[in-house]
Amino acid sequence: MIALIGSGNVASWVAARLEKSREFPIGQVYSRNLAHARALADRVGAEAIDDLRKLDPACEIFLFALRDDAYPDVLKEVPFRMPIALHTAGSVSQQMFEHHADTYGVVYPLQTLSKTMDLSTVKVPLCVEGDHLGDSLGKVMRLVAELSDTHCEMSEKQRAVAHLAAVFACNFSNALCGIADELLQKEGFSLELLMPLMEQTLAKLKTMSPAEAQTGPAVRRDTVVMGQQMMALDDDRLRAIYTGISDYIMSKSDE
């Protein structure tokens, strides 16, 4: 039985994947907000709690899906030493469990998740760190297999790099799409106009490297167009982003 500590996007994905699991049923869901815990617990037939002193020590795996800065305070409130503790963060050390669990590790979902998605079918690669799991490794890997069809084992340093890479590829690109949307809206259009372009951009990356797929005025060193586009930007922050990324593209083309 699993105790799920958290009720956000990642916890919701875990619950969706384990809803029908026989080996790893979810017995408890914890959240500081009892209504949030209950909303998720009711979906999987689990007990909702908002007090960590109510955690059931009979649970075999304690799976944490929290904000990175929440772990120190939450772990202080766990009233017993856990048999197996796992967290789902990209850049939090597994060593934080050292004084709180017999065996511990990381199961980091390398995916952007939202409660509004179809969480039962979304493809989620898992980054697994299990060098402190000992005899529990086999059980955790069976859990990993139920959560995802795709996983890779990596060190703490490799996981941190994967997280950093994901920030560039996902979080930053999403922010850039936000800029594009604002620019288009000023002219009466929406981001929908760029959807075929963005879909093709991702499709190209399945058959060629980013360097090979790069297009645009910067890689062509078209200073006339770049100058015109800089003049069209009325925000110093956007000019700095445009200049920084364009300079990077041009420097990579020199390599």
Protein backbone atom coordinates (compact mmCIF):
# COMPACT_ATOMS: atom_id res chain seq x y z
CA MET A 1 0.00 0.00 0.00
CA ILE A 2 1.19 3.50 -0.85
CA ALA A 3 0.89 6.74 1.09
CA LEU A 4 0.81 9.62 -1.37
CA ILE A 5 2.08 12.85 0.16
CA GLY A 6 0.81 15.66 -2.05
CA SER A 7 -2.28 16.37 -4.13
CA GLY A 8 -1.00 18.51 -7.01
CA ASN A 9 -0.33 17.75 -10.67
CA VAL A 10 2.29 15.02 -10.15
CA ALA A 11 0.31 13.38 -7.35
CA SER A 12 -2.77 13.40 -9.58
CA TRP A 13 -0.80 11.64 -12.33
CA VAL A 14 0.45 8.99 -9.86
CA ALA A 15 -3.11 8.42 -8.66
CA ALA A 16 -4.39 8.10 -12.23
CA ARG A 17 -1.74 5.50 -13.07
CA LEU A 18 -2.26 3.46 -9.88
CA GLU A 19 -6.03 3.73 -9.69
CA LYS A 20 -6.49 0.08 -10.68
CA SER A 21 -3.21 -1.30 -9.36
CA ARG A 22 -3.41 -4.49 -7.33
CA GLU A 23 0.14 -4.50 -6.03
CA PHE A 24 0.35 -0.76 -5.32
CA PRO A 25 -3.04 0.57 -4.20
CA ILE A 26 -3.03 4.06 -2.70
CA GLY A 27 -4.15 3.88 0.93
CA GLN A 28 -3.74 7.51 1.97
CA VAL A 29 -3.46 10.93 0.35
CA TYR A 30 -2.02 13.82 2.36
CA SER A 31 -2.42 17.53 1.71
CA ARG A 32 -2.36 20.54 4.01
CA ASN A 33 -5.71 21.34 2.39
CA LEU A 34 -8.07 18.51 3.36
CA ALA A 35 -10.45 19.31 0.50
CA HIS A 36 -7.62 18.83 -2.02
CA ALA A 37 -6.60 15.57 -0.36
CA ARG A 38 -10.19 14.35 -0.34
CA ALA A 39 -10.77 15.21 -4.00
CA LEU A 40 -7.85 13.01 -5.03
CA ALA A 41 -8.39 10.29 -2.41
CA ASP A 42 -12.03 9.81 -3.39
CA ARG A 43 -10.96 8.98 -6.96
CA VAL A 44 -8.79 6.07 -5.80
CA GLY A 45 -10.73 4.92 -2.73
CA ALA A 46 -8.08 6.16 -0.30
CA GLU A 47 -8.18 7.94 3.06
CA ALA A 48 -7.68 11.71 2.93
CA ILE A 49 -5.57 13.28 5.70
CA ASP A 50 -4.26 16.77 6.46
CA ASP A 51 -2.17 15.77 9.47
CA LEU A 52 1.07 13.84 8.93
CA ARG A 53 0.72 12.31 12.38
CA LYS A 54 -2.14 10.29 10.87
CA LEU A 55 0.14 8.58 8.34
CA ASP A 56 -0.28 4.82 8.49
CA PRO A 57 3.04 3.12 9.37
CA ALA A 58 1.70 -0.03 7.71
CA CYS A 59 2.12 1.59 4.29
CA GLU A 60 5.00 0.05 2.35
CA ILE A 61 5.96 3.04 0.18
CA PHE A 62 5.72 6.73 1.00
CA LEU A 63 5.68 8.66 -2.26
CA PHE A 64 6.25 12.40 -1.97
CA ALA A 65 5.03 14.78 -4.69
CA LEU A 66 5.57 18.24 -3.23
CA ARG A 67 7.06 21.61 -4.07
CA ASP A 68 10.84 21.51 -3.72
CA ASP A 69 10.90 23.90 -0.76
CA ALA A 70 8.25 21.98 1.18
CA TYR A 71 10.27 18.83 1.89
CA PRO A 72 12.29 19.91 4.97
CA ASP A 73 9.22 21.02 6.94
CA VAL A 74 7.09 18.07 5.86
CA LEU A 75 9.70 15.46 6.74
CA LYS A 76 10.04 16.89 10.24
CA GLU A 77 6.38 16.06 10.83
CA VAL A 78 6.52 12.40 9.75
CA PRO A 79 6.23 10.61 13.13
CA PHE A 80 8.13 7.41 12.31
CA ARG A 81 10.94 6.07 10.16
CA MET A 82 9.55 5.07 6.78
CA PRO A 83 10.46 1.71 5.19
CA ILE A 84 10.64 3.11 1.63
CA ALA A 85 10.53 6.80 0.77
CA LEU A 86 10.54 8.20 -2.75
CA HIS A 87 10.29 11.73 -4.05
CA THR A 88 9.41 13.03 -7.50
CA ALA A 89 11.47 16.25 -7.72
CA GLY A 90 14.00 17.06 -10.42
CA SER A 91 16.64 18.84 -8.36
CA VAL A 92 16.14 17.70 -4.75
CA SER A 93 18.70 15.30 -3.28
CA GLN A 94 17.54 11.88 -2.17
CA GLN A 95 19.84 12.31 0.84
CA MET A 96 17.16 14.36 2.57
CA PHE A 97 15.54 10.99 3.43
CA GLU A 98 18.68 9.66 5.13
CA HIS A 99 17.40 10.19 8.69
CA HIS A 100 13.75 9.54 7.86
CA ALA A 101 13.66 6.26 5.93
CA ASP A 102 15.33 2.84 5.87
CA THR A 103 15.62 2.90 2.06
CA TYR A 104 14.96 5.78 -0.29
CA GLY A 105 15.23 7.01 -3.85
CA VAL A 106 13.83 9.22 -6.60
CA VAL A 107 11.20 8.64 -9.27
CA TYR A 108 11.24 11.88 -11.28
CA PRO A 109 8.61 12.25 -14.05
CA LEU A 110 10.24 14.10 -16.94
CA GLN A 111 7.02 15.60 -18.23
CA THR A 112 4.85 18.68 -17.85
CA LEU A 113 1.65 17.60 -16.11
CA SER A 114 -1.66 19.23 -15.35
CA LYS A 115 -4.79 18.00 -13.61
CA THR A 116 -6.82 18.96 -16.68
CA MET A 117 -4.92 16.50 -18.91
CA ASP A 118 -5.88 12.89 -19.55
CA LEU A 119 -3.36 11.71 -16.98
CA SER A 120 -4.11 8.02 -17.54
CA THR A 121 -2.63 8.01 -21.06
CA VAL A 122 0.03 10.76 -21.21
CA LYS A 123 3.53 9.41 -21.90
CA VAL A 124 5.82 10.13 -18.93
CA PRO A 125 9.49 9.05 -18.96
CA LEU A 126 10.70 8.37 -15.42
CA CYS A 127 14.20 9.17 -14.16
CA VAL A 128 14.99 6.68 -11.42
CA GLU A 129 17.66 7.04 -8.75
CA GLY A 130 17.83 3.92 -6.63
CA ASP A 131 21.33 3.42 -5.24
CA HIS A 132 20.01 3.71 -1.66
CA LEU A 133 17.08 1.33 -2.12
CA GLY A 134 18.94 -1.88 -1.29
CA ASP A 135 16.56 -4.84 -1.05
CA SER A 136 13.65 -2.51 -1.87
CA LEU A 137 14.92 -1.87 -5.40
CA GLY A 138 12.93 -4.71 -6.98
CA LYS A 139 9.67 -3.51 -5.45
CA VAL A 140 10.29 0.09 -6.50
CA MET A 141 11.12 -0.96 -10.05
CA ARG A 142 7.82 -2.86 -10.21
CA LEU A 143 6.13 0.37 -9.13
CA VAL A 144 8.03 2.24 -11.82
CA ALA A 145 6.83 -0.27 -14.42
CA GLU A 146 3.21 0.35 -13.39
CA LEU A 147 3.66 4.11 -13.58
CA SER A 148 5.39 4.27 -16.96
CA ASP A 149 6.52 2.21 -19.94
CA THR A 150 9.67 4.33 -20.21
CA HIS A 151 12.31 4.81 -17.55
CA CYS A 152 16.05 5.29 -17.20
CA GLU A 153 18.33 5.01 -14.20
CA MET A 154 20.58 7.97 -13.52
CA SER A 155 22.73 9.58 -10.86
CA GLU A 156 21.76 12.65 -8.86
CA LYS A 157 23.97 14.83 -11.06
CA GLN A 158 22.47 13.39 -14.25
CA ARG A 159 18.95 13.95 -12.91
CA ALA A 160 19.77 17.58 -12.12
CA VAL A 161 21.09 18.06 -15.66
CA ALA A 162 17.96 16.41 -17.10
CA HIS A 163 15.86 18.80 -15.03
CA LEU A 164 17.88 21.78 -16.26
CA ALA A 165 17.52 20.60 -19.86
CA ALA A 166 13.77 20.28 -19.33
CA VAL A 167 13.61 23.86 -18.08
CA PHE A 168 15.19 25.06 -21.33
CA ALA A 169 13.15 22.77 -23.59
CA CYS A 170 9.78 23.11 -21.87
CA ASN A 171 9.53 25.98 -19.38
CA PHE A 172 11.52 28.50 -21.40
CA SER A 173 9.95 27.54 -24.73
CA ASN A 174 6.50 27.89 -23.14
CA ALA A 175 7.43 31.38 -21.93
CA LEU A 176 8.57 32.25 -25.47
CA CYS A 177 5.22 31.03 -26.79
CA GLY A 178 3.63 33.41 -24.30
CA ILE A 179 5.61 36.27 -25.83
CA ALA A 180 4.56 35.18 -29.32
CA ASP A 181 0.92 35.06 -28.20
CA GLU A 182 1.10 38.61 -26.82
CA LEU A 183 2.66 39.91 -30.03
CA LEU A 184 -0.05 38.26 -32.14
CA GLN A 185 -2.90 39.42 -29.91
CA LYS A 186 -1.86 43.05 -30.42
CA GLU A 187 -2.61 42.50 -34.11
CA GLY A 188 -5.86 40.65 -33.55
CA PHE A 189 -4.56 37.10 -33.94
CA SER A 190 -3.89 34.22 -31.52
CA LEU A 191 -1.27 31.58 -30.95
CA GLU A 192 -3.40 29.22 -33.03
CA LEU A 193 -1.79 30.82 -36.09
CA LEU A 194 1.58 29.34 -35.07
CA MET A 195 0.37 25.85 -34.10
CA PRO A 196 1.29 24.20 -37.45
CA LEU A 197 4.72 25.84 -37.28
CA MET A 198 5.36 24.62 -33.73
CA GLU A 199 4.12 21.13 -34.54
CA GLN A 200 6.48 20.96 -37.52
CA THR A 201 9.35 22.24 -35.39
CA LEU A 202 8.91 19.32 -32.99
CA ALA A 203 8.41 16.86 -35.84
CA LYS A 204 11.74 17.88 -37.40
CA LEU A 205 13.56 17.11 -34.15
CA LYS A 206 12.59 13.45 -34.53
CA THR A 207 14.77 13.14 -37.63
CA MET A 208 17.51 15.77 -37.20
CA SER A 209 19.48 17.55 -34.51
CA PRO A 210 18.45 21.02 -33.26
CA ALA A 211 21.50 22.48 -35.02
CA GLU A 212 20.41 20.93 -38.33
CA ALA A 213 16.80 22.03 -37.83
CA GLN A 214 17.64 25.65 -36.97
CA THR A 215 16.13 28.25 -39.31
CA GLY A 216 15.42 31.96 -39.09
CA PRO A 217 17.17 35.31 -39.58
CA ALA A 218 19.85 34.70 -36.93
CA VAL A 219 21.22 31.52 -38.46
CA ARG A 220 21.17 33.27 -41.86
CA ARG A 221 22.80 36.34 -40.28
CA ASP A 222 20.14 38.49 -41.89
CA THR A 223 20.98 41.70 -40.04
CA VAL A 224 18.40 43.74 -41.97
CA VAL A 225 15.47 41.60 -40.80
CA MET A 226 16.92 41.30 -37.29
CA GLY A 227 17.21 45.09 -37.07
CA GLN A 228 13.60 45.53 -38.20
CA GLN A 229 12.37 43.00 -35.67
CA MET A 230 14.33 44.63 -32.86
CA MET A 231 12.72 47.99 -33.72
CA ALA A 232 9.27 46.36 -33.60
CA LEU A 233 9.80 45.37 -29.96
CA ASP A 234 8.80 48.09 -27.49
CA ASP A 235 9.90 46.23 -24.35
CA ASP A 236 13.55 46.22 -23.21
CA ARG A 237 13.10 42.74 -21.73
CA LEU A 238 11.98 41.36 -25.07
CA ARG A 239 14.86 43.09 -26.87
CA ALA A 240 17.29 41.48 -24.41
CA ILE A 241 15.74 38.04 -25.00
CA TYR A 242 15.78 38.52 -28.78
CA THR A 243 19.41 39.67 -28.75
CA GLY A 244 20.60 36.97 -26.35
CA ILE A 245 19.02 34.09 -28.24
CA SER A 246 20.03 35.48 -31.65
CA ASP A 247 23.64 35.85 -30.47
CA TYR A 248 23.57 32.26 -29.21
CA ILE A 249 22.21 30.96 -32.55
CA MET A 250 24.90 32.84 -34.47
CA SER A 251 27.67 31.60 -32.18
CA LYS A 252 26.50 28.00 -32.56
CA SER A 253 26.52 28.35 -36.35
CA ASP A 254 30.22 29.31 -36.11
CA GLU A 255 31.16 26.06 -34.37
